[in-house]
Amino acid sequence: TFSPKYSISDSTLATAQDTIYNGLINVKSYFDLSSYK
């Protein structure tokens, strides 16, 4: 499964993906996604 119809906007999706990527590439123990709903 690659590309379902997300309930969030494309811009929110892109920003959320960046937040996840940055958290993982920097080996964070936790990060916040609450604002993306």
Full PDB file with SEQRES, HELIX, SHEET, SSBOND, CRYST1, ORIGX, SCALE, CONECT and MASTER records, all heavy atoms in Angstrom:
SEQRES   1 A   37  THR PHE SER PRO LYS TYR SER ILE SER ASP SER THR LEU          
SEQRES   2 A   37  ALA THR ALA GLN ASP THR ILE TYR ASN GLY LEU ILE ASN          
SEQRES   3 A   37  VAL LYS SER TYR PHE ASP LEU SER SER TYR LYS                  
HELIX    1 AA1 ASP A   10  ILE A   25  1                                  16    
HELIX    2 AA2 SER A   34  TYR A   36  5                                   3    
CRYST1    1.000    1.000    1.000  90.00  90.00  90.00 P 1           1          
ORIGX1      1.000000  0.000000  0.000000        0.00000                         
ORIGX2      0.000000  1.000000  0.000000        0.00000                         
ORIGX3      0.000000  0.000000  1.000000        0.00000                         
SCALE1      1.000000  0.000000  0.000000        0.00000                         
SCALE2      0.000000  1.000000  0.000000        0.00000                         
SCALE3      0.000000  0.000000  1.000000        0.00000                         
ATOM      1  N   THR A   1       0.858  -1.182   0.000  1.00  0.00           N  
ATOM      2  CA  THR A   1       0.000   0.000   0.000  1.00  0.00           C  
ATOM      3  C   THR A   1       0.891   1.228   0.000  1.00  0.00           C  
ATOM      4  O   THR A   1       1.713   1.396   0.885  1.00  0.00           O  
ATOM      5  CB  THR A   1      -0.920   0.032   1.230  1.00  0.00           C  
ATOM      6  OG1 THR A   1      -1.658  -1.181   1.285  1.00  0.00           O  
ATOM      7  CG2 THR A   1      -1.888   1.190   1.128  1.00  0.00           C  
ATOM      8  N   PHE A   2       0.748   2.072  -0.998  1.00  0.00           N  
ATOM      9  CA  PHE A   2       1.625   3.223  -1.121  1.00  0.00           C  
ATOM     10  C   PHE A   2       0.913   4.548  -0.921  1.00  0.00           C  
ATOM     11  O   PHE A   2       1.333   5.380  -0.143  1.00  0.00           O  
ATOM     12  CB  PHE A   2       2.281   3.237  -2.517  1.00  0.00           C  
ATOM     13  CG  PHE A   2       3.249   2.117  -2.752  1.00  0.00           C  
ATOM     14  CD1 PHE A   2       2.872   0.996  -3.453  1.00  0.00           C  
ATOM     15  CD2 PHE A   2       4.546   2.204  -2.275  1.00  0.00           C  
ATOM     16  CE1 PHE A   2       3.781  -0.032  -3.679  1.00  0.00           C  
ATOM     17  CE2 PHE A   2       5.458   1.188  -2.497  1.00  0.00           C  
ATOM     18  CZ  PHE A   2       5.071   0.070  -3.196  1.00  0.00           C  
ATOM     19  N   SER A   3      -0.168   4.774  -1.638  1.00  0.00           N  
ATOM     20  CA  SER A   3      -0.732   6.114  -1.745  1.00  0.00           C  
ATOM     21  C   SER A   3      -2.240   6.147  -1.536  1.00  0.00           C  
ATOM     22  O   SER A   3      -3.011   6.321  -2.483  1.00  0.00           O  
ATOM     23  CB  SER A   3      -0.379   6.698  -3.118  1.00  0.00           C  
ATOM     24  OG  SER A   3       0.993   6.609  -3.353  1.00  0.00           O  
ATOM     25  N   PRO A   4      -2.695   5.983  -0.326  1.00  0.00           N  
ATOM     26  CA  PRO A   4      -4.143   6.114  -0.092  1.00  0.00           C  
ATOM     27  C   PRO A   4      -4.531   7.584  -0.096  1.00  0.00           C  
ATOM     28  O   PRO A   4      -3.682   8.471  -0.191  1.00  0.00           O  
ATOM     29  CB  PRO A   4      -4.300   5.519   1.303  1.00  0.00           C  
ATOM     30  CG  PRO A   4      -3.006   5.844   1.979  1.00  0.00           C  
ATOM     31  CD  PRO A   4      -1.957   5.745   0.915  1.00  0.00           C  
ATOM     32  N   LYS A   5      -5.794   7.845  -0.002  1.00  0.00           N  
ATOM     33  CA  LYS A   5      -6.275   9.219   0.107  1.00  0.00           C  
ATOM     34  C   LYS A   5      -6.243   9.615   1.575  1.00  0.00           C  
ATOM     35  O   LYS A   5      -7.078   9.206   2.371  1.00  0.00           O  
ATOM     36  CB  LYS A   5      -7.691   9.333  -0.467  1.00  0.00           C  
ATOM     37  CG  LYS A   5      -7.752   9.108  -1.971  1.00  0.00           C  
ATOM     38  CD  LYS A   5      -9.188   9.260  -2.491  1.00  0.00           C  
ATOM     39  CE  LYS A   5      -9.230   9.053  -3.996  1.00  0.00           C  
ATOM     40  NZ  LYS A   5     -10.618   9.168  -4.540  1.00  0.00           N  
ATOM     41  N   TYR A   6      -5.236  10.415   1.922  1.00  0.00           N  
ATOM     42  CA  TYR A   6      -5.081  10.833   3.306  1.00  0.00           C  
ATOM     43  C   TYR A   6      -6.136  11.887   3.659  1.00  0.00           C  
ATOM     44  O   TYR A   6      -6.565  12.671   2.802  1.00  0.00           O  
ATOM     45  CB  TYR A   6      -3.690  11.409   3.547  1.00  0.00           C  
ATOM     46  CG  TYR A   6      -2.575  10.402   3.419  1.00  0.00           C  
ATOM     47  CD1 TYR A   6      -1.678  10.456   2.356  1.00  0.00           C  
ATOM     48  CD2 TYR A   6      -2.415   9.398   4.362  1.00  0.00           C  
ATOM     49  CE1 TYR A   6      -0.647   9.538   2.243  1.00  0.00           C  
ATOM     50  CE2 TYR A   6      -1.390   8.482   4.258  1.00  0.00           C  
ATOM     51  CZ  TYR A   6      -0.511   8.544   3.200  1.00  0.00           C  
ATOM     52  OH  TYR A   6       0.506   7.641   3.078  1.00  0.00           O  
ATOM     53  N   SER A   7      -6.487  11.926   4.922  1.00  0.00           N  
ATOM     54  CA  SER A   7      -7.448  12.931   5.391  1.00  0.00           C  
ATOM     55  C   SER A   7      -6.782  14.281   5.602  1.00  0.00           C  
ATOM     56  O   SER A   7      -7.449  15.302   5.701  1.00  0.00           O  
ATOM     57  CB  SER A   7      -8.099  12.466   6.698  1.00  0.00           C  
ATOM     58  OG  SER A   7      -7.121  12.306   7.713  1.00  0.00           O  
ATOM     59  N   ILE A   8      -5.444  14.294   5.673  1.00  0.00           N  
ATOM     60  CA  ILE A   8      -4.719  15.551   5.856  1.00  0.00           C  
ATOM     61  C   ILE A   8      -4.324  16.109   4.484  1.00  0.00           C  
ATOM     62  O   ILE A   8      -4.289  15.389   3.492  1.00  0.00           O  
ATOM     63  CB  ILE A   8      -3.465  15.352   6.728  1.00  0.00           C  
ATOM     64  CG1 ILE A   8      -2.541  14.288   6.122  1.00  0.00           C  
ATOM     65  CG2 ILE A   8      -3.867  14.956   8.145  1.00  0.00           C  
ATOM     66  CD1 ILE A   8      -1.264  14.060   6.893  1.00  0.00           C  
ATOM     67  N   SER A   9      -4.029  17.400   4.453  1.00  0.00           N  
ATOM     68  CA  SER A   9      -3.673  18.053   3.193  1.00  0.00           C  
ATOM     69  C   SER A   9      -2.285  17.622   2.744  1.00  0.00           C  
ATOM     70  O   SER A   9      -1.481  17.106   3.526  1.00  0.00           O  
ATOM     71  CB  SER A   9      -3.709  19.571   3.360  1.00  0.00           C  
ATOM     72  OG  SER A   9      -2.672  19.984   4.237  1.00  0.00           O  
ATOM     73  N   ASP A  10      -1.981  17.879   1.482  1.00  0.00           N  
ATOM     74  CA  ASP A  10      -0.669  17.523   0.940  1.00  0.00           C  
ATOM     75  C   ASP A  10       0.454  18.282   1.657  1.00  0.00           C  
ATOM     76  O   ASP A  10       1.523  17.731   1.908  1.00  0.00           O  
ATOM     77  CB  ASP A  10      -0.615  17.822  -0.559  1.00  0.00           C  
ATOM     78  CG  ASP A  10      -1.469  16.868  -1.375  1.00  0.00           C  
ATOM     79  OD1 ASP A  10      -1.839  15.803  -0.837  1.00  0.00           O  
ATOM     80  OD2 ASP A  10      -1.773  17.189  -2.540  1.00  0.00           O  
ATOM     81  N   SER A  11       0.223  19.544   1.950  1.00  0.00           N  
ATOM     82  CA  SER A  11       1.252  20.343   2.628  1.00  0.00           C  
ATOM     83  C   SER A  11       1.501  19.833   4.040  1.00  0.00           C  
ATOM     84  O   SER A  11       2.650  19.757   4.494  1.00  0.00           O  
ATOM     85  CB  SER A  11       0.854  21.822   2.654  1.00  0.00           C  
ATOM     86  OG  SER A  11      -0.376  21.997   3.335  1.00  0.00           O  
ATOM     87  N   THR A  12       0.404  19.456   4.730  1.00  0.00           N  
ATOM     88  CA  THR A  12       0.556  18.884   6.077  1.00  0.00           C  
ATOM     89  C   THR A  12       1.273  17.547   6.009  1.00  0.00           C  
ATOM     90  O   THR A  12       2.139  17.240   6.843  1.00  0.00           O  
ATOM     91  CB  THR A  12      -0.817  18.713   6.739  1.00  0.00           C  
ATOM     92  OG1 THR A  12      -1.450  19.987   6.849  1.00  0.00           O  
ATOM     93  CG2 THR A  12      -0.676  18.105   8.127  1.00  0.00           C  
ATOM     94  N   LEU A  13       0.933  16.739   5.008  1.00  0.00           N  
ATOM     95  CA  LEU A  13       1.591  15.446   4.820  1.00  0.00           C  
ATOM     96  C   LEU A  13       3.091  15.638   4.620  1.00  0.00           C  
ATOM     97  O   LEU A  13       3.910  14.945   5.245  1.00  0.00           O  
ATOM     98  CB  LEU A  13       0.982  14.723   3.625  1.00  0.00           C  
ATOM     99  CG  LEU A  13       1.682  13.439   3.173  1.00  0.00           C  
ATOM    100  CD1 LEU A  13       1.627  12.381   4.270  1.00  0.00           C  
ATOM    101  CD2 LEU A  13       1.056  12.911   1.888  1.00  0.00           C  
ATOM    102  N   ALA A  14       3.475  16.578   3.747  1.00  0.00           N  
ATOM    103  CA  ALA A  14       4.887  16.810   3.461  1.00  0.00           C  
ATOM    104  C   ALA A  14       5.640  17.260   4.715  1.00  0.00           C  
ATOM    105  O   ALA A  14       6.754  16.798   4.991  1.00  0.00           O  
ATOM    106  CB  ALA A  14       5.032  17.852   2.355  1.00  0.00           C  
ATOM    107  N   THR A  15       5.013  18.149   5.485  1.00  0.00           N  
ATOM    108  CA  THR A  15       5.660  18.636   6.710  1.00  0.00           C  
ATOM    109  C   THR A  15       5.780  17.525   7.745  1.00  0.00           C  
ATOM    110  O   THR A  15       6.799  17.399   8.430  1.00  0.00           O  
ATOM    111  CB  THR A  15       4.870  19.818   7.303  1.00  0.00           C  
ATOM    112  OG1 THR A  15       4.660  20.798   6.288  1.00  0.00           O  
ATOM    113  CG2 THR A  15       5.629  20.451   8.455  1.00  0.00           C  
ATOM    114  N   ALA A  16       4.731  16.708   7.872  1.00  0.00           N  
ATOM    115  CA  ALA A  16       4.772  15.586   8.808  1.00  0.00           C  
ATOM    116  C   ALA A  16       5.849  14.585   8.409  1.00  0.00           C  
ATOM    117  O   ALA A  16       6.586  14.061   9.267  1.00  0.00           O  
ATOM    118  CB  ALA A  16       3.407  14.911   8.858  1.00  0.00           C  
ATOM    119  N   GLN A  17       5.970  14.312   7.112  1.00  0.00           N  
ATOM    120  CA  GLN A  17       7.017  13.405   6.638  1.00  0.00           C  
ATOM    121  C   GLN A  17       8.400  13.943   6.983  1.00  0.00           C  
ATOM    122  O   GLN A  17       9.283  13.180   7.407  1.00  0.00           O  
ATOM    123  CB  GLN A  17       6.885  13.199   5.128  1.00  0.00           C  
ATOM    124  CG  GLN A  17       5.682  12.360   4.719  1.00  0.00           C  
ATOM    125  CD  GLN A  17       5.465  12.360   3.215  1.00  0.00           C  
ATOM    126  OE1 GLN A  17       5.744  13.342   2.526  1.00  0.00           O  
ATOM    127  NE2 GLN A  17       4.959  11.250   2.695  1.00  0.00           N  
ATOM    128  N   ASP A  18       8.599  15.247   6.814  1.00  0.00           N  
ATOM    129  CA  ASP A  18       9.884  15.862   7.161  1.00  0.00           C  
ATOM    130  C   ASP A  18      10.172  15.725   8.647  1.00  0.00           C  
ATOM    131  O   ASP A  18      11.316  15.447   9.049  1.00  0.00           O  
ATOM    132  CB  ASP A  18       9.890  17.345   6.772  1.00  0.00           C  
ATOM    133  CG  ASP A  18       9.978  17.555   5.270  1.00  0.00           C  
ATOM    134  OD1 ASP A  18      10.354  16.602   4.558  1.00  0.00           O  
ATOM    135  OD2 ASP A  18       9.650  18.671   4.811  1.00  0.00           O  
ATOM    136  N   THR A  19       9.141  15.919   9.474  1.00  0.00           N  
ATOM    137  CA  THR A  19       9.320  15.804  10.927  1.00  0.00           C  
ATOM    138  C   THR A  19       9.709  14.374  11.299  1.00  0.00           C  
ATOM    139  O   THR A  19      10.616  14.157  12.114  1.00  0.00           O  
ATOM    140  CB  THR A  19       8.033  16.209  11.659  1.00  0.00           C  
ATOM    141  OG1 THR A  19       7.704  17.559  11.335  1.00  0.00           O  
ATOM    142  CG2 THR A  19       8.202  16.083  13.161  1.00  0.00           C  
ATOM    143  N   ILE A  20       9.042  13.402  10.711  1.00  0.00           N  
ATOM    144  CA  ILE A  20       9.368  11.997  10.985  1.00  0.00           C  
ATOM    145  C   ILE A  20      10.789  11.681  10.530  1.00  0.00           C  
ATOM    146  O   ILE A  20      11.579  11.078  11.265  1.00  0.00           O  
ATOM    147  CB  ILE A  20       8.351  11.065  10.294  1.00  0.00           C  
ATOM    148  CG1 ILE A  20       6.965  11.233  10.916  1.00  0.00           C  
ATOM    149  CG2 ILE A  20       8.800   9.603  10.389  1.00  0.00           C  
ATOM    150  CD1 ILE A  20       5.857  10.527  10.157  1.00  0.00           C  
ATOM    151  N   TYR A  21      11.115  12.117   9.302  1.00  0.00           N  
ATOM    152  CA  TYR A  21      12.446  11.830   8.765  1.00  0.00           C  
ATOM    153  C   TYR A  21      13.534  12.453   9.645  1.00  0.00           C  
ATOM    154  O   TYR A  21      14.529  11.793   9.999  1.00  0.00           O  
ATOM    155  CB  TYR A  21      12.569  12.361   7.340  1.00  0.00           C  
ATOM    156  CG  TYR A  21      13.955  12.167   6.760  1.00  0.00           C  
ATOM    157  CD1 TYR A  21      14.327  10.953   6.198  1.00  0.00           C  
ATOM    158  CD2 TYR A  21      14.893  13.210   6.798  1.00  0.00           C  
ATOM    159  CE1 TYR A  21      15.602  10.773   5.681  1.00  0.00           C  
ATOM    160  CE2 TYR A  21      16.168  13.028   6.288  1.00  0.00           C  
ATOM    161  CZ  TYR A  21      16.515  11.806   5.729  1.00  0.00           C  
ATOM    162  OH  TYR A  21      17.783  11.620   5.238  1.00  0.00           O  
ATOM    163  N   ASN A  22      13.374  13.720   9.992  1.00  0.00           N  
ATOM    164  CA  ASN A  22      14.382  14.398  10.806  1.00  0.00           C  
ATOM    165  C   ASN A  22      14.533  13.761  12.174  1.00  0.00           C  
ATOM    166  O   ASN A  22      15.643  13.668  12.712  1.00  0.00           O  
ATOM    167  CB  ASN A  22      14.033  15.885  10.950  1.00  0.00           C  
ATOM    168  CG  ASN A  22      14.214  16.648   9.648  1.00  0.00           C  
ATOM    169  OD1 ASN A  22      15.077  16.318   8.849  1.00  0.00           O  
ATOM    170  ND2 ASN A  22      13.388  17.669   9.423  1.00  0.00           N  
ATOM    171  N   GLY A  23      13.410  13.307  12.745  1.00  0.00           N  
ATOM    172  CA  GLY A  23      13.488  12.622  14.030  1.00  0.00           C  
ATOM    173  C   GLY A  23      14.267  11.324  13.935  1.00  0.00           C  
ATOM    174  O   GLY A  23      15.078  10.994  14.810  1.00  0.00           O  
ATOM    175  N   LEU A  24      14.047  10.571  12.844  1.00  0.00           N  
ATOM    176  CA  LEU A  24      14.698   9.272  12.691  1.00  0.00           C  
ATOM    177  C   LEU A  24      16.151   9.394  12.256  1.00  0.00           C  
ATOM    178  O   LEU A  24      17.008   8.645  12.733  1.00  0.00           O  
ATOM    179  CB  LEU A  24      13.913   8.425  11.684  1.00  0.00           C  
ATOM    180  CG  LEU A  24      12.477   8.082  12.079  1.00  0.00           C  
ATOM    181  CD1 LEU A  24      11.795   7.295  10.965  1.00  0.00           C  
ATOM    182  CD2 LEU A  24      12.425   7.308  13.387  1.00  0.00           C  
ATOM    183  N   ILE A  25      16.447  10.324  11.365  1.00  0.00           N  
ATOM    184  CA  ILE A  25      17.826  10.468  10.899  1.00  0.00           C  
ATOM    185  C   ILE A  25      18.725  10.966  12.020  1.00  0.00           C  
ATOM    186  O   ILE A  25      19.933  10.691  12.059  1.00  0.00           O  
ATOM    187  CB  ILE A  25      17.917  11.405   9.671  1.00  0.00           C  
ATOM    188  CG1 ILE A  25      19.238  11.184   8.917  1.00  0.00           C  
ATOM    189  CG2 ILE A  25      17.771  12.854  10.068  1.00  0.00           C  
ATOM    190  CD1 ILE A  25      19.368   9.860   8.247  1.00  0.00           C  
ATOM    191  N   ASN A  26      18.132  11.699  12.979  1.00  0.00           N  
ATOM    192  CA  ASN A  26      18.886  12.186  14.137  1.00  0.00           C  
ATOM    193  C   ASN A  26      18.751  11.261  15.347  1.00  0.00           C  
ATOM    194  O   ASN A  26      19.171  11.614  16.447  1.00  0.00           O  
ATOM    195  CB  ASN A  26      18.434  13.601  14.495  1.00  0.00           C  
ATOM    196  CG  ASN A  26      18.842  14.623  13.444  1.00  0.00           C  
ATOM    197  OD1 ASN A  26      20.030  14.784  13.159  1.00  0.00           O  
ATOM    198  ND2 ASN A  26      17.874  15.294  12.844  1.00  0.00           N  
ATOM    199  N   VAL A  27      18.151  10.100  15.121  1.00  0.00           N  
ATOM    200  CA  VAL A  27      18.030   9.035  16.133  1.00  0.00           C  
ATOM    201  C   VAL A  27      17.400   9.581  17.420  1.00  0.00           C  
ATOM    202  O   VAL A  27      17.894   9.351  18.538  1.00  0.00           O  
ATOM    203  CB  VAL A  27      19.399   8.373  16.424  1.00  0.00           C  
ATOM    204  CG1 VAL A  27      19.213   7.015  17.097  1.00  0.00           C  
ATOM    205  CG2 VAL A  27      20.210   8.199  15.152  1.00  0.00           C  
ATOM    206  N   LYS A  28      16.319  10.336  17.273  1.00  0.00           N  
ATOM    207  CA  LYS A  28      15.617  10.876  18.431  1.00  0.00           C  
ATOM    208  C   LYS A  28      14.857   9.779  19.165  1.00  0.00           C  
ATOM    209  O   LYS A  28      14.343   8.839  18.553  1.00  0.00           O  
ATOM    210  CB  LYS A  28      14.632  11.962  17.987  1.00  0.00           C  
ATOM    211  CG  LYS A  28      15.278  13.174  17.331  1.00  0.00           C  
ATOM    212  CD  LYS A  28      16.099  13.975  18.324  1.00  0.00           C  
ATOM    213  CE  LYS A  28      16.606  15.268  17.696  1.00  0.00           C  
ATOM    214  NZ  LYS A  28      17.443  16.048  18.643  1.00  0.00           N  
ATOM    215  N   SER A  29      14.775   9.918  20.475  1.00  0.00           N  
ATOM    216  CA  SER A  29      14.023   8.939  21.265  1.00  0.00           C  
ATOM    217  C   SER A  29      12.530   9.225  21.231  1.00  0.00           C  
ATOM    218  O   SER A  29      11.721   8.333  21.490  1.00  0.00           O  
ATOM    219  CB  SER A  29      14.516   8.947  22.716  1.00  0.00           C  
ATOM    220  OG  SER A  29      14.387  10.249  23.277  1.00  0.00           O  
ATOM    221  N   TYR A  30      12.153  10.468  20.913  1.00  0.00           N  
ATOM    222  CA  TYR A  30      10.737  10.815  20.722  1.00  0.00           C  
ATOM    223  C   TYR A  30      10.657  12.114  19.926  1.00  0.00           C  
ATOM    224  O   TYR A  30      11.603  12.895  19.861  1.00  0.00           O  
ATOM    225  CB  TYR A  30      10.008  10.982  22.060  1.00  0.00           C  
ATOM    226  CG  TYR A  30      10.224  12.322  22.705  1.00  0.00           C  
ATOM    227  CD1 TYR A  30       9.307  13.359  22.534  1.00  0.00           C  
ATOM    228  CD2 TYR A  30      11.370  12.570  23.467  1.00  0.00           C  
ATOM    229  CE1 TYR A  30       9.521  14.600  23.113  1.00  0.00           C  
ATOM    230  CE2 TYR A  30      11.591  13.801  24.035  1.00  0.00           C  
ATOM    231  CZ  TYR A  30      10.671  14.813  23.865  1.00  0.00           C  
ATOM    232  OH  TYR A  30      10.890  16.046  24.430  1.00  0.00           O  
ATOM    233  N   PHE A  31       9.522  12.341  19.286  1.00  0.00           N  
ATOM    234  CA  PHE A  31       9.248  13.622  18.649  1.00  0.00           C  
ATOM    235  C   PHE A  31       7.742  13.828  18.586  1.00  0.00           C  
ATOM    236  O   PHE A  31       6.947  12.904  18.745  1.00  0.00           O  
ATOM    237  CB  PHE A  31       9.899  13.747  17.266  1.00  0.00           C  
ATOM    238  CG  PHE A  31       9.704  12.571  16.358  1.00  0.00           C  
ATOM    239  CD1 PHE A  31       8.603  12.473  15.518  1.00  0.00           C  
ATOM    240  CD2 PHE A  31      10.651  11.554  16.322  1.00  0.00           C  
ATOM    241  CE1 PHE A  31       8.442  11.399  14.667  1.00  0.00           C  
ATOM    242  CE2 PHE A  31      10.501  10.471  15.471  1.00  0.00           C  
ATOM    243  CZ  PHE A  31       9.389  10.387  14.638  1.00  0.00           C  
ATOM    244  N   ASP A  32       7.350  15.082  18.356  1.00  0.00           N  
ATOM    245  CA  ASP A  32       5.960  15.539  18.476  1.00  0.00           C  
ATOM    246  C   ASP A  32       5.283  15.607  17.107  1.00  0.00           C  
ATOM    247  O   ASP A  32       5.801  16.217  16.174  1.00  0.00           O  
ATOM    248  CB  ASP A  32       5.979  16.926  19.129  1.00  0.00           C  
ATOM    249  CG  ASP A  32       4.587  17.479  19.391  1.00  0.00           C  
ATOM    250  OD1 ASP A  32       3.596  16.832  19.003  1.00  0.00           O  
ATOM    251  OD2 ASP A  32       4.496  18.566  19.990  1.00  0.00           O  
ATOM    252  N   LEU A  33       4.109  14.977  16.992  1.00  0.00           N  
ATOM    253  CA  LEU A  33       3.300  15.069  15.771  1.00  0.00           C  
ATOM    254  C   LEU A  33       1.892  15.590  16.067  1.00  0.00           C  
ATOM    255  O   LEU A  33       1.015  15.529  15.208  1.00  0.00           O  
ATOM    256  CB  LEU A  33       3.188  13.691  15.100  1.00  0.00           C  
ATOM    257  CG  LEU A  33       4.427  13.098  14.441  1.00  0.00           C  
ATOM    258  CD1 LEU A  33       4.070  11.767  13.789  1.00  0.00           C  
ATOM    259  CD2 LEU A  33       5.031  14.025  13.412  1.00  0.00           C  
ATOM    260  N   SER A  34       1.679  16.098  17.258  1.00  0.00           N  
ATOM    261  CA  SER A  34       0.323  16.434  17.694  1.00  0.00           C  
ATOM    262  C   SER A  34      -0.344  17.491  16.815  1.00  0.00           C  
ATOM    263  O   SER A  34      -1.563  17.459  16.604  1.00  0.00           O  
ATOM    264  CB  SER A  34       0.341  16.921  19.148  1.00  0.00           C  
ATOM    265  OG  SER A  34       1.184  18.053  19.292  1.00  0.00           O  
ATOM    266  N   SER A  35       0.445  18.428  16.282  1.00  0.00           N  
ATOM    267  CA  SER A  35      -0.155  19.519  15.515  1.00  0.00           C  
ATOM    268  C   SER A  35      -0.705  19.071  14.160  1.00  0.00           C  
ATOM    269  O   SER A  35      -1.500  19.784  13.550  1.00  0.00           O  
ATOM    270  CB  SER A  35       0.877  20.637  15.290  1.00  0.00           C  
ATOM    271  OG  SER A  35       1.962  20.164  14.519  1.00  0.00           O  
ATOM    272  N   TYR A  36      -0.298  17.875  13.682  1.00  0.00           N  
ATOM    273  CA  TYR A  36      -0.713  17.428  12.349  1.00  0.00           C  
ATOM    274  C   TYR A  36      -2.053  16.690  12.355  1.00  0.00           C  
ATOM    275  O   TYR A  36      -2.675  16.509  11.306  1.00  0.00           O  
ATOM    276  CB  TYR A  36       0.363  16.529  11.734  1.00  0.00           C  
ATOM    277  CG  TYR A  36       1.719  17.183  11.683  1.00  0.00           C  
ATOM    278  CD1 TYR A  36       2.805  16.629  12.361  1.00  0.00           C  
ATOM    279  CD2 TYR A  36       1.911  18.363  10.974  1.00  0.00           C  
ATOM    280  CE1 TYR A  36       4.043  17.223  12.329  1.00  0.00           C  
ATOM    281  CE2 TYR A  36       3.156  18.969  10.937  1.00  0.00           C  
ATOM    282  CZ  TYR A  36       4.222  18.391  11.616  1.00  0.00           C  
ATOM    283  OH  TYR A  36       5.446  18.993  11.588  1.00  0.00           O  
ATOM    284  N   LYS A  37      -2.468  16.214  13.523  1.00  0.00           N  
ATOM    285  CA  LYS A  37      -3.765  15.536  13.670  1.00  0.00           C  
ATOM    286  C   LYS A  37      -3.925  14.381  12.666  1.00  0.00           C  
ATOM    287  O   LYS A  37      -4.906  14.292  11.920  1.00  0.00           O  
ATOM    288  CB  LYS A  37      -4.917  16.534  13.527  1.00  0.00           C  
ATOM    289  CG  LYS A  37      -4.927  17.613  14.609  1.00  0.00           C  
ATOM    290  CD  LYS A  37      -6.082  18.578  14.426  1.00  0.00           C  
ATOM    291  CE  LYS A  37      -6.157  19.564  15.587  1.00  0.00           C  
ATOM    292  NZ  LYS A  37      -4.917  20.347  15.773  1.00  0.00           N  
TER     293      LYS A  37                                                      
MASTER        0    0    0    2    0    0    0    6  292    1    0    3          
END                                                                             
